[in-house]
Amino acid sequence: MKCVKHVILAALIAAPVISYADGLDKSHCTYNGIPLRGKVQFVTAFADIKVQEVNAFADLNVQKVNAFADSCGKWEIVTAFPDFTVQLVSAFGDLKVSWVSAFPGVR
């Protein structure tokens, strides 16, 4: 019985920690292969990425731009022909984002 408890305890300690941003690749600034820059369309369903807006501890700082959304965290909001789609959610998003006016990118 003692061995079983030790095995279970060891398995719990070795279990990976689950985070909301499991698909986030900070070194390439992608989420599940989707570059986190470019033209973005906000939708209410069937989004590529579900995003939760936060004021602190964001996975990604996002700057809304009118053109040249060519670096990490720069998003140009469009209504057609997006590079990817985003759904804003109040909880349990794929990514947590904070809107910034300068210095976009991953934390």
PDB file of N, CA and C in Angstrom:
ATOM      1  N   MET A   1       0.824  -1.189   0.000  1.00  0.00           N
ATOM      2  CA  MET A   1       0.000   0.000   0.000  1.00  0.00           C
ATOM      3  C   MET A   1       0.867   1.252   0.000  1.00  0.00           C
ATOM      4  N   LYS A   2       1.983   1.172   0.745  1.00  0.00           N
ATOM      5  CA  LYS A   2       2.880   2.315   0.815  1.00  0.00           C
ATOM      6  C   LYS A   2       3.498   2.612  -0.550  1.00  0.00           C
ATOM      7  N   CYS A   3       3.834   1.552  -1.291  1.00  0.00           N
ATOM      8  CA  CYS A   3       4.425   1.722  -2.628  1.00  0.00           C
ATOM      9  C   CYS A   3       3.432   2.371  -3.588  1.00  0.00           C
ATOM     10  N   VAL A   4       2.172   1.988  -3.493  1.00  0.00           N
ATOM     11  CA  VAL A   4       1.147   2.556  -4.371  1.00  0.00           C
ATOM     12  C   VAL A   4       1.018   4.057  -4.119  1.00  0.00           C
ATOM     13  N   LYS A   5       1.034   4.467  -2.861  1.00  0.00           N
ATOM     14  CA  LYS A   5       0.951   5.885  -2.533  1.00  0.00           C
ATOM     15  C   LYS A   5       2.142   6.648  -3.087  1.00  0.00           C
ATOM     16  N   HIS A   6       3.325   6.055  -3.014  1.00  0.00           N
ATOM     17  CA  HIS A   6       4.522   6.711  -3.533  1.00  0.00           C
ATOM     18  C   HIS A   6       4.473   6.831  -5.059  1.00  0.00           C
ATOM     19  N   VAL A   7       3.955   5.821  -5.728  1.00  0.00           N
ATOM     20  CA  VAL A   7       3.837   5.847  -7.186  1.00  0.00           C
ATOM     21  C   VAL A   7       2.840   6.921  -7.613  1.00  0.00           C
ATOM     22  N   ILE A   8       1.719   6.981  -6.928  1.00  0.00           N
ATOM     23  CA  ILE A   8       0.707   7.996  -7.251  1.00  0.00           C
ATOM     24  C   ILE A   8       1.253   9.396  -6.987  1.00  0.00           C
ATOM     25  N   LEU A   9       1.919   9.573  -5.873  1.00  0.00           N
ATOM     26  CA  LEU A   9       2.508  10.868  -5.552  1.00  0.00           C
ATOM     27  C   LEU A   9       3.549  11.273  -6.588  1.00  0.00           C
ATOM     28  N   ALA A  10       4.381  10.352  -7.010  1.00  0.00           N
ATOM     29  CA  ALA A  10       5.399  10.635  -8.023  1.00  0.00           C
ATOM     30  C   ALA A  10       4.752  11.005  -9.349  1.00  0.00           C
ATOM     31  N   ALA A  11       3.664  10.346  -9.711  1.00  0.00           N
ATOM     32  CA  ALA A  11       2.962  10.652 -10.962  1.00  0.00           C
ATOM     33  C   ALA A  11       2.349  12.042 -10.914  1.00  0.00           C
ATOM     34  N   LEU A  12       1.787  12.412  -9.778  1.00  0.00           N
ATOM     35  CA  LEU A  12       1.193  13.744  -9.648  1.00  0.00           C
ATOM     36  C   LEU A  12       2.246  14.838  -9.728  1.00  0.00           C
ATOM     37  N   ILE A  13       3.394  14.594  -9.133  1.00  0.00           N
ATOM     38  CA  ILE A  13       4.472  15.582  -9.164  1.00  0.00           C
ATOM     39  C   ILE A  13       5.028  15.719 -10.569  1.00  0.00           C
ATOM     40  N   ALA A  14       5.125  14.630 -11.296  1.00  0.00           N
ATOM     41  CA  ALA A  14       5.701  14.644 -12.638  1.00  0.00           C
ATOM     42  C   ALA A  14       4.704  15.095 -13.704  1.00  0.00           C
ATOM     43  N   ALA A  15       3.426  15.197 -13.372  1.00  0.00           N
ATOM     44  CA  ALA A  15       2.409  15.588 -14.355  1.00  0.00           C
ATOM     45  C   ALA A  15       2.669  17.004 -14.840  1.00  0.00           C
ATOM     46  N   PRO A  16       2.483  17.249 -16.129  1.00  0.00           N
ATOM     47  CA  PRO A  16       2.714  18.592 -16.656  1.00  0.00           C
ATOM     48  C   PRO A  16       1.669  19.580 -16.161  1.00  0.00           C
ATOM     49  N   VAL A  17       2.082  20.809 -16.001  1.00  0.00           N
ATOM     50  CA  VAL A  17       1.180  21.874 -15.587  1.00  0.00           C
ATOM     51  C   VAL A  17       0.428  22.360 -16.815  1.00  0.00           C
ATOM     52  N   ILE A  18      -0.886  22.408 -16.728  1.00  0.00           N
ATOM     53  CA  ILE A  18      -1.705  22.853 -17.851  1.00  0.00           C
ATOM     54  C   ILE A  18      -1.890  24.350 -17.754  1.00  0.00           C
ATOM     55  N   SER A  19      -1.643  25.052 -18.866  1.00  0.00           N
ATOM     56  CA  SER A  19      -1.880  26.489 -18.906  1.00  0.00           C
ATOM     57  C   SER A  19      -2.844  26.801 -20.039  1.00  0.00           C
ATOM     58  N   TYR A  20      -3.393  27.997 -20.033  1.00  0.00           N
ATOM     59  CA  TYR A  20      -4.318  28.388 -21.086  1.00  0.00           C
ATOM     60  C   TYR A  20      -3.615  28.477 -22.430  1.00  0.00           C
ATOM     61  N   ALA A  21      -2.366  28.856 -22.418  1.00  0.00           N
ATOM     62  CA  ALA A  21      -1.642  29.101 -23.663  1.00  0.00           C
ATOM     63  C   ALA A  21      -0.739  27.931 -24.020  1.00  0.00           C
ATOM     64  N   ASP A  22      -1.270  26.706 -23.998  1.00  0.00           N
ATOM     65  CA  ASP A  22      -0.466  25.536 -24.318  1.00  0.00           C
ATOM     66  C   ASP A  22       0.101  25.594 -25.732  1.00  0.00           C
ATOM     67  N   GLY A  23      -0.619  26.176 -26.681  1.00  0.00           N
ATOM     68  CA  GLY A  23      -0.165  26.235 -28.066  1.00  0.00           C
ATOM     69  C   GLY A  23       0.692  27.444 -28.383  1.00  0.00           C
ATOM     70  N   LEU A  24       1.034  28.249 -27.377  1.00  0.00           N
ATOM     71  CA  LEU A  24       1.806  29.469 -27.602  1.00  0.00           C
ATOM     72  C   LEU A  24       3.286  29.139 -27.747  1.00  0.00           C
ATOM     73  N   ASP A  25       3.860  29.553 -28.869  1.00  0.00           N
ATOM     74  CA  ASP A  25       5.294  29.421 -29.110  1.00  0.00           C
ATOM     75  C   ASP A  25       5.879  30.825 -29.057  1.00  0.00           C
ATOM     76  N   LYS A  26       6.447  31.181 -27.908  1.00  0.00           N
ATOM     77  CA  LYS A  26       6.945  32.544 -27.707  1.00  0.00           C
ATOM     78  C   LYS A  26       8.126  32.867 -28.613  1.00  0.00           C
ATOM     79  N   SER A  27       8.958  31.896 -28.909  1.00  0.00           N
ATOM     80  CA  SER A  27      10.140  32.168 -29.721  1.00  0.00           C
ATOM     81  C   SER A  27       9.783  32.519 -31.165  1.00  0.00           C
ATOM     82  N   HIS A  28       8.654  31.984 -31.670  1.00  0.00           N
ATOM     83  CA  HIS A  28       8.219  32.290 -33.038  1.00  0.00           C
ATOM     84  C   HIS A  28       6.990  33.191 -33.079  1.00  0.00           C
ATOM     85  N   CYS A  29       6.479  33.554 -31.908  1.00  0.00           N
ATOM     86  CA  CYS A  29       5.282  34.392 -31.789  1.00  0.00           C
ATOM     87  C   CYS A  29       4.122  33.799 -32.588  1.00  0.00           C
ATOM     88  N   THR A  30       3.820  32.537 -32.272  1.00  0.00           N
ATOM     89  CA  THR A  30       2.713  31.856 -32.929  1.00  0.00           C
ATOM     90  C   THR A  30       1.847  31.169 -31.885  1.00  0.00           C
ATOM     91  N   TYR A  31       0.613  30.902 -32.269  1.00  0.00           N
ATOM     92  CA  TYR A  31      -0.278  30.091 -31.455  1.00  0.00           C
ATOM     93  C   TYR A  31      -0.790  28.968 -32.343  1.00  0.00           C
ATOM     94  N   ASN A  32      -0.444  27.736 -32.024  1.00  0.00           N
ATOM     95  CA  ASN A  32      -0.799  26.570 -32.851  1.00  0.00           C
ATOM     96  C   ASN A  32      -0.451  26.793 -34.321  1.00  0.00           C
ATOM     97  N   GLY A  33       0.691  27.402 -34.563  1.00  0.00           N
ATOM     98  CA  GLY A  33       1.158  27.634 -35.924  1.00  0.00           C
ATOM     99  C   GLY A  33       0.647  28.913 -36.565  1.00  0.00           C
ATOM    100  N   ILE A  34      -0.242  29.626 -35.910  1.00  0.00           N
ATOM    101  CA  ILE A  34      -0.796  30.875 -36.451  1.00  0.00           C
ATOM    102  C   ILE A  34       0.082  32.037 -35.989  1.00  0.00           C
ATOM    103  N   PRO A  35       0.700  32.775 -36.909  1.00  0.00           N
ATOM    104  CA  PRO A  35       1.497  33.942 -36.502  1.00  0.00           C
ATOM    105  C   PRO A  35       0.606  34.983 -35.825  1.00  0.00           C
ATOM    106  N   LEU A  36       1.031  35.485 -34.692  1.00  0.00           N
ATOM    107  CA  LEU A  36       0.236  36.438 -33.914  1.00  0.00           C
ATOM    108  C   LEU A  36       0.514  37.861 -34.362  1.00  0.00           C
ATOM    109  N   ARG A  37       0.389  38.081 -35.648  1.00  0.00           N
ATOM    110  CA  ARG A  37       0.544  39.395 -36.263  1.00  0.00           C
ATOM    111  C   ARG A  37      -0.285  39.385 -37.537  1.00  0.00           C
ATOM    112  N   GLY A  38      -0.610  40.570 -38.024  1.00  0.00           N
ATOM    113  CA  GLY A  38      -1.312  40.630 -39.297  1.00  0.00           C
ATOM    114  C   GLY A  38      -2.739  41.109 -39.179  1.00  0.00           C
ATOM    115  N   LYS A  39      -3.524  40.738 -40.199  1.00  0.00           N
ATOM    116  CA  LYS A  39      -4.916  41.172 -40.304  1.00  0.00           C
ATOM    117  C   LYS A  39      -5.799  40.224 -39.497  1.00  0.00           C
ATOM    118  N   VAL A  40      -6.596  40.818 -38.596  1.00  0.00           N
ATOM    119  CA  VAL A  40      -7.412  40.048 -37.658  1.00  0.00           C
ATOM    120  C   VAL A  40      -8.868  40.469 -37.794  1.00  0.00           C
ATOM    121  N   GLN A  41      -9.743  39.475 -37.813  1.00  0.00           N
ATOM    122  CA  GLN A  41     -11.180  39.741 -37.833  1.00  0.00           C
ATOM    123  C   GLN A  41     -11.783  39.190 -36.549  1.00  0.00           C
ATOM    124  N   PHE A  42     -12.579  40.018 -35.868  1.00  0.00           N
ATOM    125  CA  PHE A  42     -13.281  39.575 -34.670  1.00  0.00           C
ATOM    126  C   PHE A  42     -14.579  38.895 -35.086  1.00  0.00           C
ATOM    127  N   VAL A  43     -14.826  37.710 -34.536  1.00  0.00           N
ATOM    128  CA  VAL A  43     -16.024  36.934 -34.845  1.00  0.00           C
ATOM    129  C   VAL A  43     -16.687  36.513 -33.539  1.00  0.00           C
ATOM    130  N   THR A  44     -17.915  36.014 -33.639  1.00  0.00           N
ATOM    131  CA  THR A  44     -18.634  35.576 -32.440  1.00  0.00           C
ATOM    132  C   THR A  44     -18.645  34.058 -32.279  1.00  0.00           C
ATOM    133  N   ALA A  45     -18.200  33.333 -33.296  1.00  0.00           N
ATOM    134  CA  ALA A  45     -18.148  31.875 -33.217  1.00  0.00           C
ATOM    135  C   ALA A  45     -17.130  31.335 -34.219  1.00  0.00           C
ATOM    136  N   PHE A  46     -16.666  30.131 -33.970  1.00  0.00           N
ATOM    137  CA  PHE A  46     -15.746  29.418 -34.859  1.00  0.00           C
ATOM    138  C   PHE A  46     -14.457  30.190 -35.139  1.00  0.00           C
ATOM    139  N   ALA A  47     -13.898  30.792 -34.110  1.00  0.00           N
ATOM    140  CA  ALA A  47     -12.670  31.572 -34.253  1.00  0.00           C
ATOM    141  C   ALA A  47     -11.453  30.653 -34.269  1.00  0.00           C
ATOM    142  N   ASP A  48     -10.391  31.142 -34.872  1.00  0.00           N
ATOM    143  CA  ASP A  48      -9.111  30.428 -34.832  1.00  0.00           C
ATOM    144  C   ASP A  48      -8.530  30.463 -33.424  1.00  0.00           C
ATOM    145  N   ILE A  49      -8.694  31.605 -32.738  1.00  0.00           N
ATOM    146  CA  ILE A  49      -8.148  31.785 -31.400  1.00  0.00           C
ATOM    147  C   ILE A  49      -9.186  32.480 -30.522  1.00  0.00           C
ATOM    148  N   LYS A  50      -9.401  31.952 -29.323  1.00  0.00           N
ATOM    149  CA  LYS A  50     -10.255  32.617 -28.343  1.00  0.00           C
ATOM    150  C   LYS A  50      -9.355  33.437 -27.434  1.00  0.00           C
ATOM    151  N   VAL A  51      -9.688  34.708 -27.271  1.00  0.00           N
ATOM    152  CA  VAL A  51      -8.835  35.657 -26.560  1.00  0.00           C
ATOM    153  C   VAL A  51      -9.567  36.228 -25.357  1.00  0.00           C
ATOM    154  N   GLN A  52      -8.868  36.249 -24.234  1.00  0.00           N
ATOM    155  CA  GLN A  52      -9.393  36.877 -23.020  1.00  0.00           C
ATOM    156  C   GLN A  52      -8.599  38.161 -22.783  1.00  0.00           C
ATOM    157  N   GLU A  53      -9.305  39.272 -22.641  1.00  0.00           N
ATOM    158  CA  GLU A  53      -8.660  40.558 -22.375  1.00  0.00           C
ATOM    159  C   GLU A  53      -8.341  40.664 -20.886  1.00  0.00           C
ATOM    160  N   VAL A  54      -7.094  41.016 -20.571  1.00  0.00           N
ATOM    161  CA  VAL A  54      -6.667  41.186 -19.179  1.00  0.00           C
ATOM    162  C   VAL A  54      -5.866  42.471 -19.057  1.00  0.00           C
ATOM    163  N   ASN A  55      -5.751  42.959 -17.835  1.00  0.00           N
ATOM    164  CA  ASN A  55      -4.955  44.157 -17.582  1.00  0.00           C
ATOM    165  C   ASN A  55      -3.544  43.824 -17.112  1.00  0.00           C
ATOM    166  N   ALA A  56      -3.353  42.619 -16.626  1.00  0.00           N
ATOM    167  CA  ALA A  56      -2.035  42.216 -16.133  1.00  0.00           C
ATOM    168  C   ALA A  56      -1.795  40.744 -16.449  1.00  0.00           C
ATOM    169  N   PHE A  57      -0.544  40.361 -16.509  1.00  0.00           N
ATOM    170  CA  PHE A  57      -0.132  38.970 -16.735  1.00  0.00           C
ATOM    171  C   PHE A  57      -0.648  38.418 -18.059  1.00  0.00           C
ATOM    172  N   ALA A  58      -0.565  39.206 -19.114  1.00  0.00           N
ATOM    173  CA  ALA A  58      -0.994  38.774 -20.440  1.00  0.00           C
ATOM    174  C   ALA A  58       0.065  37.877 -21.071  1.00  0.00           C
ATOM    175  N   ASP A  59      -0.396  36.968 -21.933  1.00  0.00           N
ATOM    176  CA  ASP A  59       0.522  36.162 -22.738  1.00  0.00           C
ATOM    177  C   ASP A  59       1.082  36.995 -23.885  1.00  0.00           C
ATOM    178  N   LEU A  60       0.266  37.942 -24.373  1.00  0.00           N
ATOM    179  CA  LEU A  60       0.627  38.736 -25.540  1.00  0.00           C
ATOM    180  C   LEU A  60       0.148  40.170 -25.356  1.00  0.00           C
ATOM    181  N   ASN A  61       1.038  41.114 -25.612  1.00  0.00           N
ATOM    182  CA  ASN A  61       0.654  42.527 -25.655  1.00  0.00           C
ATOM    183  C   ASN A  61       0.337  42.856 -27.108  1.00  0.00           C
ATOM    184  N   VAL A  62      -0.871  43.387 -27.348  1.00  0.00           N
ATOM    185  CA  VAL A  62      -1.339  43.640 -28.705  1.00  0.00           C
ATOM    186  C   VAL A  62      -1.499  45.127 -28.940  1.00  0.00           C
ATOM    187  N   GLN A  63      -0.963  45.582 -30.070  1.00  0.00           N
ATOM    188  CA  GLN A  63      -1.122  46.968 -30.501  1.00  0.00           C
ATOM    189  C   GLN A  63      -1.967  46.965 -31.766  1.00  0.00           C
ATOM    190  N   LYS A  64      -3.082  47.701 -31.740  1.00  0.00           N
ATOM    191  CA  LYS A  64      -3.914  47.832 -32.931  1.00  0.00           C
ATOM    192  C   LYS A  64      -3.272  48.872 -33.841  1.00  0.00           C
ATOM    193  N   VAL A  65      -3.065  48.498 -35.112  1.00  0.00           N
ATOM    194  CA  VAL A  65      -2.444  49.399 -36.081  1.00  0.00           C
ATOM    195  C   VAL A  65      -3.342  49.498 -37.312  1.00  0.00           C
ATOM    196  N   ASN A  66      -3.142  50.560 -38.094  1.00  0.00           N
ATOM    197  CA  ASN A  66      -3.917  50.753 -39.320  1.00  0.00           C
ATOM    198  C   ASN A  66      -3.227  50.161 -40.536  1.00  0.00           C
ATOM    199  N   ALA A  67      -1.940  49.901 -40.442  1.00  0.00           N
ATOM    200  CA  ALA A  67      -1.173  49.322 -41.546  1.00  0.00           C
ATOM    201  C   ALA A  67       0.118  48.743 -40.989  1.00  0.00           C
ATOM    202  N   PHE A  68       0.788  47.951 -41.792  1.00  0.00           N
ATOM    203  CA  PHE A  68       2.084  47.366 -41.439  1.00  0.00           C
ATOM    204  C   PHE A  68       2.023  46.529 -40.160  1.00  0.00           C
ATOM    205  N   ALA A  69       1.073  45.626 -40.112  1.00  0.00           N
ATOM    206  CA  ALA A  69       0.958  44.702 -38.987  1.00  0.00           C
ATOM    207  C   ALA A  69       1.887  43.518 -39.241  1.00  0.00           C
ATOM    208  N   ASP A  70       3.176  43.824 -39.266  1.00  0.00           N
ATOM    209  CA  ASP A  70       4.153  42.829 -39.703  1.00  0.00           C
ATOM    210  C   ASP A  70       5.104  42.342 -38.613  1.00  0.00           C
ATOM    211  N   SER A  71       4.826  42.684 -37.363  1.00  0.00           N
ATOM    212  CA  SER A  71       5.668  42.176 -36.282  1.00  0.00           C
ATOM    213  C   SER A  71       4.790  41.648 -35.151  1.00  0.00           C
ATOM    214  N   CYS A  72       5.398  40.885 -34.288  1.00  0.00           N
ATOM    215  CA  CYS A  72       4.691  40.189 -33.214  1.00  0.00           C
ATOM    216  C   CYS A  72       3.807  41.127 -32.392  1.00  0.00           C
ATOM    217  N   GLY A  73       2.514  40.791 -32.305  1.00  0.00           N
ATOM    218  CA  GLY A  73       1.590  41.562 -31.487  1.00  0.00           C
ATOM    219  C   GLY A  73       0.948  42.749 -32.175  1.00  0.00           C
ATOM    220  N   LYS A  74       1.316  43.032 -33.411  1.00  0.00           N
ATOM    221  CA  LYS A  74       0.667  44.125 -34.148  1.00  0.00           C
ATOM    222  C   LYS A  74      -0.485  43.540 -34.952  1.00  0.00           C
ATOM    223  N   TRP A  75      -1.695  44.032 -34.660  1.00  0.00           N
ATOM    224  CA  TRP A  75      -2.903  43.546 -35.302  1.00  0.00           C
ATOM    225  C   TRP A  75      -3.594  44.667 -36.050  1.00  0.00           C
ATOM    226  N   GLU A  76      -3.927  44.416 -37.310  1.00  0.00           N
ATOM    227  CA  GLU A  76      -4.754  45.319 -38.101  1.00  0.00           C
ATOM    228  C   GLU A  76      -6.152  44.708 -38.133  1.00  0.00           C
ATOM    229  N   ILE A  77      -7.131  45.419 -37.588  1.00  0.00           N
ATOM    230  CA  ILE A  77      -8.500  44.907 -37.500  1.00  0.00           C
ATOM    231  C   ILE A  77      -9.187  45.094 -38.848  1.00  0.00           C
ATOM    232  N   VAL A  78      -9.717  43.997 -39.411  1.00  0.00           N
ATOM    233  CA  VAL A  78     -10.375  44.027 -40.716  1.00  0.00           C
ATOM    234  C   VAL A  78     -11.740  43.352 -40.609  1.00  0.00           C
ATOM    235  N   THR A  79     -12.577  43.554 -41.634  1.00  0.00           N
ATOM    236  CA  THR A  79     -13.887  42.903 -41.674  1.00  0.00           C
ATOM    237  C   THR A  79     -13.953  41.829 -42.757  1.00  0.00           C
ATOM    238  N   ALA A  80     -12.902  41.710 -43.559  1.00  0.00           N
ATOM    239  CA  ALA A  80     -12.862  40.690 -44.601  1.00  0.00           C
ATOM    240  C   ALA A  80     -11.414  40.297 -44.883  1.00  0.00           C
ATOM    241  N   PHE A  81     -11.231  39.085 -45.341  1.00  0.00           N
ATOM    242  CA  PHE A  81      -9.925  38.542 -45.731  1.00  0.00           C
ATOM    243  C   PHE A  81      -8.873  38.632 -44.624  1.00  0.00           C
ATOM    244  N   PRO A  82      -9.184  38.094 -43.435  1.00  0.00           N
ATOM    245  CA  PRO A  82      -8.209  38.141 -42.337  1.00  0.00           C
ATOM    246  C   PRO A  82      -7.134  37.067 -42.496  1.00  0.00           C
ATOM    247  N   ASP A  83      -6.031  37.278 -41.792  1.00  0.00           N
ATOM    248  CA  ASP A  83      -5.014  36.232 -41.674  1.00  0.00           C
ATOM    249  C   ASP A  83      -5.474  35.185 -40.658  1.00  0.00           C
ATOM    250  N   PHE A  84      -6.193  35.636 -39.626  1.00  0.00           N
ATOM    251  CA  PHE A  84      -6.802  34.735 -38.656  1.00  0.00           C
ATOM    252  C   PHE A  84      -7.958  35.450 -37.973  1.00  0.00           C
ATOM    253  N   THR A  85      -8.823  34.657 -37.315  1.00  0.00           N
ATOM    254  CA  THR A  85      -9.991  35.214 -36.632  1.00  0.00           C
ATOM    255  C   THR A  85      -9.848  35.056 -35.127  1.00  0.00           C
ATOM    256  N   VAL A  86     -10.478  35.985 -34.402  1.00  0.00           N
ATOM    257  CA  VAL A  86     -10.402  36.026 -32.944  1.00  0.00           C
ATOM    258  C   VAL A  86     -11.801  36.191 -32.376  1.00  0.00           C
ATOM    259  N   GLN A  87     -12.071  35.439 -31.314  1.00  0.00           N
ATOM    260  CA  GLN A  87     -13.305  35.602 -30.556  1.00  0.00           C
ATOM    261  C   GLN A  87     -12.934  36.085 -29.170  1.00  0.00           C
ATOM    262  N   LEU A  88     -13.524  37.188 -28.739  1.00  0.00           N
ATOM    263  CA  LEU A  88     -13.288  37.694 -27.392  1.00  0.00           C
ATOM    264  C   LEU A  88     -14.176  36.929 -26.415  1.00  0.00           C
ATOM    265  N   VAL A  89     -13.556  36.395 -25.361  1.00  0.00           N
ATOM    266  CA  VAL A  89     -14.291  35.654 -24.340  1.00  0.00           C
ATOM    267  C   VAL A  89     -13.972  36.252 -22.982  1.00  0.00           C
ATOM    268  N   SER A  90     -14.857  36.027 -22.020  1.00  0.00           N
ATOM    269  CA  SER A  90     -14.646  36.588 -20.689  1.00  0.00           C
ATOM    270  C   SER A  90     -13.818  35.674 -19.788  1.00  0.00           C
ATOM    271  N   ALA A  91     -13.708  34.418 -20.151  1.00  0.00           N
ATOM    272  CA  ALA A  91     -12.917  33.473 -19.353  1.00  0.00           C
ATOM    273  C   ALA A  91     -12.489  32.290 -20.210  1.00  0.00           C
ATOM    274  N   PHE A  92     -11.433  31.625 -19.788  1.00  0.00           N
ATOM    275  CA  PHE A  92     -10.942  30.406 -20.423  1.00  0.00           C
ATOM    276  C   PHE A  92     -10.585  30.590 -21.894  1.00  0.00           C
ATOM    277  N   GLY A  93      -9.948  31.706 -22.219  1.00  0.00           N
ATOM    278  CA  GLY A  93      -9.479  31.929 -23.573  1.00  0.00           C
ATOM    279  C   GLY A  93      -8.225  31.120 -23.867  1.00  0.00           C
ATOM    280  N   ASP A  94      -7.922  30.966 -25.135  1.00  0.00           N
ATOM    281  CA  ASP A  94      -6.681  30.298 -25.531  1.00  0.00           C
ATOM    282  C   ASP A  94      -5.482  31.150 -25.160  1.00  0.00           C
ATOM    283  N   LEU A  95      -5.635  32.465 -25.305  1.00  0.00           N
ATOM    284  CA  LEU A  95      -4.583  33.429 -24.990  1.00  0.00           C
ATOM    285  C   LEU A  95      -5.145  34.550 -24.146  1.00  0.00           C
ATOM    286  N   LYS A  96      -4.300  35.096 -23.295  1.00  0.00           N
ATOM    287  CA  LYS A  96      -4.649  36.302 -22.550  1.00  0.00           C
ATOM    288  C   LYS A  96      -3.893  37.451 -23.194  1.00  0.00           C
ATOM    289  N   VAL A  97      -4.634  38.501 -23.592  1.00  0.00           N
ATOM    290  CA  VAL A  97      -3.995  39.642 -24.249  1.00  0.00           C
ATOM    291  C   VAL A  97      -4.258  40.926 -23.479  1.00  0.00           C
ATOM    292  N   SER A  98      -3.333  41.826 -23.622  1.00  0.00           N
ATOM    293  CA  SER A  98      -3.449  43.159 -23.067  1.00  0.00           C
ATOM    294  C   SER A  98      -3.256  44.134 -24.212  1.00  0.00           C
ATOM    295  N   TRP A  99      -4.139  45.127 -24.330  1.00  0.00           N
ATOM    296  CA  TRP A  99      -4.030  46.116 -25.402  1.00  0.00           C
ATOM    297  C   TRP A  99      -3.024  47.188 -24.982  1.00  0.00           C
ATOM    298  N   VAL A 100      -2.078  47.476 -25.846  1.00  0.00           N
ATOM    299  CA  VAL A 100      -1.037  48.455 -25.557  1.00  0.00           C
ATOM    300  C   VAL A 100      -0.933  49.453 -26.701  1.00  0.00           C
ATOM    301  N   SER A 101      -0.335  50.614 -26.416  1.00  0.00           N
ATOM    302  CA  SER A 101      -0.121  51.608 -27.464  1.00  0.00           C
ATOM    303  C   SER A 101       1.318  51.574 -27.981  1.00  0.00           C
ATOM    304  N   ALA A 102       2.169  50.823 -27.308  1.00  0.00           N
ATOM    305  CA  ALA A 102       3.557  50.667 -27.739  1.00  0.00           C
ATOM    306  C   ALA A 102       4.128  49.369 -27.180  1.00  0.00           C
ATOM    307  N   PHE A 103       5.176  48.891 -27.769  1.00  0.00           N
ATOM    308  CA  PHE A 103       5.893  47.686 -27.336  1.00  0.00           C
ATOM    309  C   PHE A 103       5.016  46.433 -27.319  1.00  0.00           C
ATOM    310  N   PRO A 104       4.427  46.064 -28.470  1.00  0.00           N
ATOM    311  CA  PRO A 104       3.651  44.828 -28.536  1.00  0.00           C
ATOM    312  C   PRO A 104       4.575  43.616 -28.545  1.00  0.00           C
ATOM    313  N   GLY A 105       4.016  42.457 -28.274  1.00  0.00           N
ATOM    314  CA  GLY A 105       4.772  41.215 -28.352  1.00  0.00           C
ATOM    315  C   GLY A 105       4.489  40.297 -27.182  1.00  0.00           C
ATOM    316  N   VAL A 106       5.195  39.165 -27.154  1.00  0.00           N
ATOM    317  CA  VAL A 106       5.004  38.212 -26.074  1.00  0.00           C
ATOM    318  C   VAL A 106       5.767  38.648 -24.847  1.00  0.00           C
ATOM    319  N   ARG A 107       5.277  38.207 -23.702  1.00  0.00           N
ATOM    320  CA  ARG A 107       5.926  38.560 -22.415  1.00  0.00           C
ATOM    321  C   ARG A 107       7.006  37.550 -22.118  1.00  0.00           C
TER     322      ARG A 107
END
